[in-house]
C-alpha cells in the first residue's frame, strides 16, 4: 500500500491539475466574451437601429442563420466594402439575396 505521504502528494497533484484546467476554461470563456463584444461593436457601427432590431428578431427565430449573417456583414465591413450604415431596407435586400429559395409545393388530388 502507498504511504500517507504518497497519497497526499497524489491528491495535491490532482488538485493542481484541476485548478489549471479551471484556469484554462476561464481564460477561454474570457476570450470568447471579448470576441462577442468586439462583434457587437462592429455590428453597432455598421447597422442602423432598425436593422439591428431585425437582426435580433432573426436571432430569436434562427440563431445559426443570424450568426452566419453577422459574420458575413463583419467580413464585408473589415474588407471595406461597407461604406455607410446599413439600413433596414438594405438588410432586407441582403436577406432576400442570401435566403434559400422556397420551393412551391403543389398537391394534386386525383379522383378515380
N, C-alpha and C. Protein backbone atom coordinates (compact mmCIF):
# COMPACT_ATOMS: atom_id res chain seq x y z
N UNK A 1 0.84 -1.19 0.00
CA UNK A 1 0.00 0.00 0.00
C UNK A 1 0.88 1.24 0.00
N UNK A 2 0.33 2.29 -0.55
CA UNK A 2 1.05 3.57 -0.60
C UNK A 2 0.98 4.23 0.77
N UNK A 3 2.03 4.94 1.07
CA UNK A 3 2.04 5.63 2.36
C UNK A 3 1.16 6.86 2.32
N UNK A 4 0.89 7.40 3.48
CA UNK A 4 0.06 8.60 3.57
C UNK A 4 0.69 9.78 2.83
N UNK A 5 2.01 9.85 2.88
CA UNK A 5 2.71 10.95 2.19
C UNK A 5 2.52 10.85 0.68
N UNK A 6 2.61 9.62 0.15
CA UNK A 6 2.42 9.42 -1.29
C UNK A 6 0.99 9.76 -1.69
N UNK A 7 0.03 9.33 -0.89
CA UNK A 7 -1.37 9.65 -1.18
C UNK A 7 -1.61 11.15 -1.16
N UNK A 8 -1.02 11.83 -0.20
CA UNK A 8 -1.16 13.28 -0.10
C UNK A 8 -0.53 13.97 -1.31
N UNK A 9 0.61 13.48 -1.77
CA UNK A 9 1.28 14.05 -2.95
C UNK A 9 0.41 13.86 -4.19
N UNK A 10 -0.19 12.68 -4.32
CA UNK A 10 -1.08 12.40 -5.45
C UNK A 10 -2.29 13.34 -5.40
N UNK A 11 -2.86 13.51 -4.23
CA UNK A 11 -4.02 14.41 -4.08
C UNK A 11 -3.65 15.84 -4.47
N UNK A 12 -2.46 16.27 -4.01
CA UNK A 12 -2.01 17.63 -4.33
C UNK A 12 -1.84 17.82 -5.84
N UNK A 13 -1.24 16.83 -6.50
CA UNK A 13 -1.05 16.91 -7.96
C UNK A 13 -2.41 16.98 -8.67
N UNK A 14 -3.33 16.13 -8.27
CA UNK A 14 -4.67 16.13 -8.87
C UNK A 14 -5.37 17.48 -8.65
N UNK A 15 -5.23 18.00 -7.46
CA UNK A 15 -5.85 19.30 -7.14
C UNK A 15 -5.25 20.41 -7.99
N UNK A 16 -3.92 20.40 -8.17
CA UNK A 16 -3.25 21.41 -9.00
C UNK A 16 -3.67 21.27 -10.46
N UNK A 17 -3.80 20.04 -10.94
CA UNK A 17 -4.26 19.82 -12.31
C UNK A 17 -5.68 20.36 -12.50
N UNK A 18 -6.52 20.13 -11.51
CA UNK A 18 -7.90 20.62 -11.58
C UNK A 18 -7.91 22.15 -11.62
N UNK A 19 -7.10 22.79 -10.79
CA UNK A 19 -7.02 24.25 -10.78
C UNK A 19 -6.54 24.79 -12.12
N UNK A 20 -5.55 24.13 -12.73
CA UNK A 20 -5.04 24.56 -14.03
C UNK A 20 -6.10 24.42 -15.10
N UNK A 21 -6.85 23.33 -15.05
CA UNK A 21 -7.92 23.12 -16.03
C UNK A 21 -8.99 24.20 -15.89
N UNK A 22 -9.34 24.54 -14.65
CA UNK A 22 -10.34 25.58 -14.43
C UNK A 22 -9.83 26.93 -14.92
N UNK A 23 -8.55 27.22 -14.69
CA UNK A 23 -7.98 28.49 -15.16
C UNK A 23 -7.99 28.55 -16.67
N UNK A 24 -7.70 27.43 -17.32
CA UNK A 24 -7.73 27.38 -18.79
C UNK A 24 -9.14 27.60 -19.32
N UNK A 25 -10.13 27.01 -18.67
CA UNK A 25 -11.52 27.19 -19.09
C UNK A 25 -11.96 28.63 -18.88
N UNK A 26 -11.53 29.23 -17.78
CA UNK A 26 -11.90 30.63 -17.51
C UNK A 26 -11.26 31.55 -18.55
N UNK A 27 -10.02 31.28 -18.92
CA UNK A 27 -9.35 32.11 -19.93
C UNK A 27 -10.05 31.96 -21.29
N UNK A 28 -10.45 30.75 -21.63
CA UNK A 28 -11.16 30.51 -22.89
C UNK A 28 -12.50 31.25 -22.90
N UNK A 29 -13.22 31.19 -21.80
CA UNK A 29 -14.50 31.89 -21.69
C UNK A 29 -14.31 33.41 -21.82
N UNK A 30 -13.24 33.92 -21.23
CA UNK A 30 -12.96 35.35 -21.31
C UNK A 30 -12.65 35.76 -22.75
N UNK A 31 -11.87 34.94 -23.46
CA UNK A 31 -11.58 35.23 -24.88
C UNK A 31 -12.86 35.21 -25.71
N UNK A 32 -13.73 34.24 -25.43
CA UNK A 32 -15.00 34.14 -26.18
C UNK A 32 -15.86 35.38 -25.94
N UNK A 33 -15.91 35.84 -24.68
CA UNK A 33 -16.70 37.03 -24.36
C UNK A 33 -16.11 38.27 -25.02
N UNK A 34 -14.79 38.39 -25.06
CA UNK A 34 -14.15 39.53 -25.72
C UNK A 34 -14.46 39.52 -27.22
N UNK A 35 -14.44 38.35 -27.83
CA UNK A 35 -14.76 38.24 -29.25
C UNK A 35 -16.21 38.64 -29.51
N UNK A 36 -17.13 38.17 -28.67
CA UNK A 36 -18.54 38.53 -28.82
C UNK A 36 -18.74 40.04 -28.67
N UNK A 37 -18.06 40.64 -27.72
CA UNK A 37 -18.17 42.09 -27.51
C UNK A 37 -17.63 42.85 -28.73
N UNK A 38 -16.54 42.39 -29.30
CA UNK A 38 -15.98 43.03 -30.49
C UNK A 38 -16.96 42.91 -31.67
N UNK A 39 -17.60 41.73 -31.80
CA UNK A 39 -18.59 41.55 -32.86
C UNK A 39 -19.76 42.51 -32.68
N UNK A 40 -20.24 42.63 -31.44
CA UNK A 40 -21.36 43.55 -31.17
C UNK A 40 -20.99 44.99 -31.50
N UNK A 41 -19.76 45.37 -31.20
CA UNK A 41 -19.30 46.74 -31.50
C UNK A 41 -19.32 46.99 -33.01
N UNK A 42 -18.81 46.03 -33.77
CA UNK A 42 -18.78 46.20 -35.23
C UNK A 42 -20.21 46.27 -35.78
N UNK A 43 -21.08 45.39 -35.30
CA UNK A 43 -22.48 45.39 -35.76
C UNK A 43 -23.14 46.72 -35.42
N UNK A 44 -22.86 47.26 -34.23
CA UNK A 44 -23.41 48.56 -33.84
C UNK A 44 -22.96 49.66 -34.79
N UNK A 45 -21.74 49.55 -35.29
CA UNK A 45 -21.20 50.58 -36.18
C UNK A 45 -21.75 50.48 -37.59
N UNK A 46 -22.09 49.28 -38.04
CA UNK A 46 -22.47 49.14 -39.45
C UNK A 46 -23.97 49.00 -39.68
N UNK A 47 -24.76 48.74 -38.64
CA UNK A 47 -26.21 48.60 -38.82
C UNK A 47 -26.96 49.72 -38.13
N UNK A 48 -28.02 50.19 -38.78
CA UNK A 48 -28.89 51.17 -38.14
C UNK A 48 -29.66 50.47 -37.02
N UNK A 49 -30.32 51.25 -36.18
CA UNK A 49 -31.03 50.65 -35.04
C UNK A 49 -32.15 49.72 -35.52
N UNK A 50 -32.84 50.10 -36.61
CA UNK A 50 -33.91 49.24 -37.13
C UNK A 50 -33.34 47.93 -37.67
N UNK A 51 -32.19 48.02 -38.34
CA UNK A 51 -31.57 46.82 -38.89
C UNK A 51 -31.07 45.91 -37.76
N UNK A 52 -30.57 46.50 -36.68
CA UNK A 52 -30.14 45.70 -35.52
C UNK A 52 -31.34 45.00 -34.89
N UNK A 53 -32.48 45.70 -34.83
CA UNK A 53 -33.69 45.07 -34.29
C UNK A 53 -34.09 43.87 -35.15
N UNK A 54 -34.01 44.04 -36.47
CA UNK A 54 -34.35 42.94 -37.37
C UNK A 54 -33.39 41.77 -37.17
N UNK A 55 -32.11 42.06 -37.03
CA UNK A 55 -31.13 41.01 -36.80
C UNK A 55 -31.40 40.28 -35.48
N UNK A 56 -31.79 41.01 -34.46
CA UNK A 56 -32.12 40.38 -33.18
C UNK A 56 -33.37 39.50 -33.29
N UNK A 57 -34.33 39.94 -34.09
CA UNK A 57 -35.53 39.13 -34.31
C UNK A 57 -35.16 37.84 -35.04
N UNK A 58 -34.28 37.97 -36.02
CA UNK A 58 -33.82 36.78 -36.75
C UNK A 58 -33.09 35.85 -35.80
N UNK A 59 -32.29 36.42 -34.90
CA UNK A 59 -31.52 35.61 -33.95
C UNK A 59 -32.45 34.77 -33.07
N UNK A 60 -33.59 35.33 -32.70
CA UNK A 60 -34.53 34.57 -31.87
C UNK A 60 -35.13 33.40 -32.64
N UNK A 61 -35.41 33.61 -33.93
CA UNK A 61 -36.04 32.56 -34.73
C UNK A 61 -35.02 31.56 -35.28
N UNK A 62 -33.89 32.08 -35.77
CA UNK A 62 -32.87 31.22 -36.40
C UNK A 62 -31.48 31.67 -35.96
N UNK A 63 -31.03 31.24 -34.78
CA UNK A 63 -29.73 31.71 -34.26
C UNK A 63 -28.54 31.40 -35.16
N UNK A 64 -28.55 30.23 -35.81
CA UNK A 64 -27.43 29.87 -36.69
C UNK A 64 -27.37 30.78 -37.90
N UNK A 65 -28.53 31.08 -38.46
CA UNK A 65 -28.60 31.97 -39.62
C UNK A 65 -28.14 33.38 -39.24
N UNK A 66 -28.56 33.85 -38.06
CA UNK A 66 -28.15 35.19 -37.61
C UNK A 66 -26.64 35.25 -37.42
N UNK A 67 -26.06 34.20 -36.90
CA UNK A 67 -24.61 34.14 -36.72
C UNK A 67 -23.90 34.20 -38.07
N UNK A 68 -24.41 33.46 -39.03
CA UNK A 68 -23.85 33.47 -40.38
C UNK A 68 -23.95 34.86 -40.99
N UNK A 69 -25.11 35.49 -40.86
CA UNK A 69 -25.32 36.83 -41.39
C UNK A 69 -24.38 37.84 -40.74
N UNK A 70 -24.26 37.77 -39.42
CA UNK A 70 -23.34 38.66 -38.70
C UNK A 70 -21.92 38.51 -39.21
N UNK A 71 -21.47 37.28 -39.34
CA UNK A 71 -20.10 37.03 -39.81
C UNK A 71 -19.88 37.58 -41.20
N UNK A 72 -20.87 37.45 -42.08
CA UNK A 72 -20.75 37.98 -43.44
C UNK A 72 -20.70 39.51 -43.42
N UNK A 73 -21.55 40.13 -42.60
CA UNK A 73 -21.55 41.58 -42.51
C UNK A 73 -20.23 42.10 -41.95
N UNK A 74 -19.70 41.43 -40.95
CA UNK A 74 -18.42 41.84 -40.35
C UNK A 74 -17.30 41.69 -41.38
N UNK A 75 -17.32 40.61 -42.14
CA UNK A 75 -16.31 40.40 -43.17
C UNK A 75 -16.38 41.51 -44.22
N UNK A 76 -17.59 41.88 -44.62
CA UNK A 76 -17.75 42.97 -45.59
C UNK A 76 -17.22 44.29 -45.02
N UNK A 77 -17.51 44.54 -43.76
CA UNK A 77 -17.06 45.79 -43.12
C UNK A 77 -15.53 45.81 -43.01
N UNK A 78 -14.94 44.69 -42.65
CA UNK A 78 -13.49 44.64 -42.49
C UNK A 78 -12.77 44.74 -43.83
N UNK A 79 -13.41 44.29 -44.90
CA UNK A 79 -12.79 44.39 -46.22
C UNK A 79 -13.02 45.77 -46.84
N UNK A 80 -13.80 46.62 -46.16
CA UNK A 80 -14.02 47.97 -46.66
C UNK A 80 -15.13 48.08 -47.69
N UNK A 81 -15.93 47.05 -47.84
CA UNK A 81 -17.00 47.07 -48.85
C UNK A 81 -18.26 47.74 -48.34
N UNK A 82 -18.34 48.00 -47.04
CA UNK A 82 -19.48 48.73 -46.47
C UNK A 82 -19.01 50.14 -46.16
N UNK A 83 -19.57 51.10 -46.87
CA UNK A 83 -19.15 52.50 -46.70
C UNK A 83 -20.05 53.24 -45.71
N UNK A 84 -21.35 53.02 -45.78
CA UNK A 84 -22.31 53.69 -44.91
C UNK A 84 -23.02 52.67 -44.04
N UNK A 85 -23.76 53.19 -43.04
CA UNK A 85 -24.55 52.29 -42.21
C UNK A 85 -25.59 51.58 -43.06
N UNK A 86 -25.81 50.31 -42.74
CA UNK A 86 -26.81 49.53 -43.47
C UNK A 86 -28.17 49.80 -42.83
N UNK A 87 -29.11 50.21 -43.65
CA UNK A 87 -30.46 50.49 -43.16
C UNK A 87 -31.27 49.19 -43.13
N UNK A 88 -32.46 49.28 -42.57
CA UNK A 88 -33.33 48.11 -42.50
C UNK A 88 -33.69 47.63 -43.90
N UNK A 89 -33.98 48.55 -44.81
CA UNK A 89 -34.34 48.17 -46.17
C UNK A 89 -33.16 47.46 -46.87
N UNK A 90 -31.97 47.95 -46.64
CA UNK A 90 -30.79 47.31 -47.24
C UNK A 90 -30.57 45.91 -46.65
N UNK A 91 -30.79 45.79 -45.35
CA UNK A 91 -30.64 44.48 -44.71
C UNK A 91 -31.68 43.51 -45.25
N UNK A 92 -32.92 43.98 -45.48
CA UNK A 92 -33.95 43.13 -46.07
C UNK A 92 -33.51 42.62 -47.43
N UNK A 93 -32.90 43.51 -48.22
CA UNK A 93 -32.44 43.12 -49.56
C UNK A 93 -31.31 42.09 -49.45
N UNK A 94 -30.41 42.28 -48.51
CA UNK A 94 -29.34 41.30 -48.30
C UNK A 94 -29.95 39.95 -47.91
N UNK A 95 -30.95 39.99 -47.04
CA UNK A 95 -31.62 38.75 -46.63
C UNK A 95 -32.29 38.06 -47.80
N UNK A 96 -32.92 38.84 -48.67
CA UNK A 96 -33.57 38.24 -49.86
C UNK A 96 -32.55 37.54 -50.73
N UNK A 97 -31.35 38.12 -50.83
CA UNK A 97 -30.33 37.55 -51.69
C UNK A 97 -29.73 36.27 -51.11
N UNK A 98 -29.59 36.21 -49.79
CA UNK A 98 -28.91 35.04 -49.22
C UNK A 98 -29.87 33.96 -48.72
N UNK A 99 -31.15 34.28 -48.60
CA UNK A 99 -32.11 33.27 -48.15
C UNK A 99 -32.29 32.24 -49.26
N UNK A 100 -32.35 30.97 -48.90
CA UNK A 100 -32.60 29.96 -49.92
C UNK A 100 -34.00 30.14 -50.50
N UNK A 101 -34.09 29.87 -51.77
CA UNK A 101 -35.39 29.99 -52.43
C UNK A 101 -36.31 28.89 -51.93
N UNK A 102 -37.55 29.28 -51.63
CA UNK A 102 -38.53 28.29 -51.17
C UNK A 102 -39.13 27.60 -52.38
N UNK A 103 -39.24 26.31 -52.26
CA UNK A 103 -39.88 25.55 -53.33
C UNK A 103 -41.38 25.56 -53.10
N UNK A 104 -42.08 25.75 -54.15
CA UNK A 104 -43.53 25.73 -54.04
C UNK A 104 -44.00 24.29 -54.15
N UNK A 105 -44.82 23.89 -53.21
CA UNK A 105 -45.32 22.52 -53.19
C UNK A 105 -46.80 22.54 -53.59
N UNK A 106 -47.10 21.75 -54.59
CA UNK A 106 -48.49 21.65 -55.04
C UNK A 106 -48.97 20.22 -54.80
N UNK A 107 -50.13 20.12 -54.27
CA UNK A 107 -50.74 18.82 -54.02
C UNK A 107 -51.91 18.65 -54.99
N UNK A 108 -51.82 17.61 -55.74
CA UNK A 108 -52.89 17.34 -56.70
C UNK A 108 -53.68 16.13 -56.21
N UNK A 109 -54.95 16.28 -56.20
CA UNK A 109 -55.80 15.19 -55.76
C UNK A 109 -56.47 14.61 -57.01
N UNK A 110 -56.25 13.36 -57.21
CA UNK A 110 -56.84 12.70 -58.36
C UNK A 110 -58.05 11.89 -57.90
N UNK A 111 -59.11 12.14 -58.55
CA UNK A 111 -60.34 11.39 -58.21
C UNK A 111 -60.51 10.27 -59.21
N UNK A 112 -60.84 9.16 -58.66
CA UNK A 112 -60.99 7.98 -59.53
C UNK A 112 -62.44 7.75 -59.86
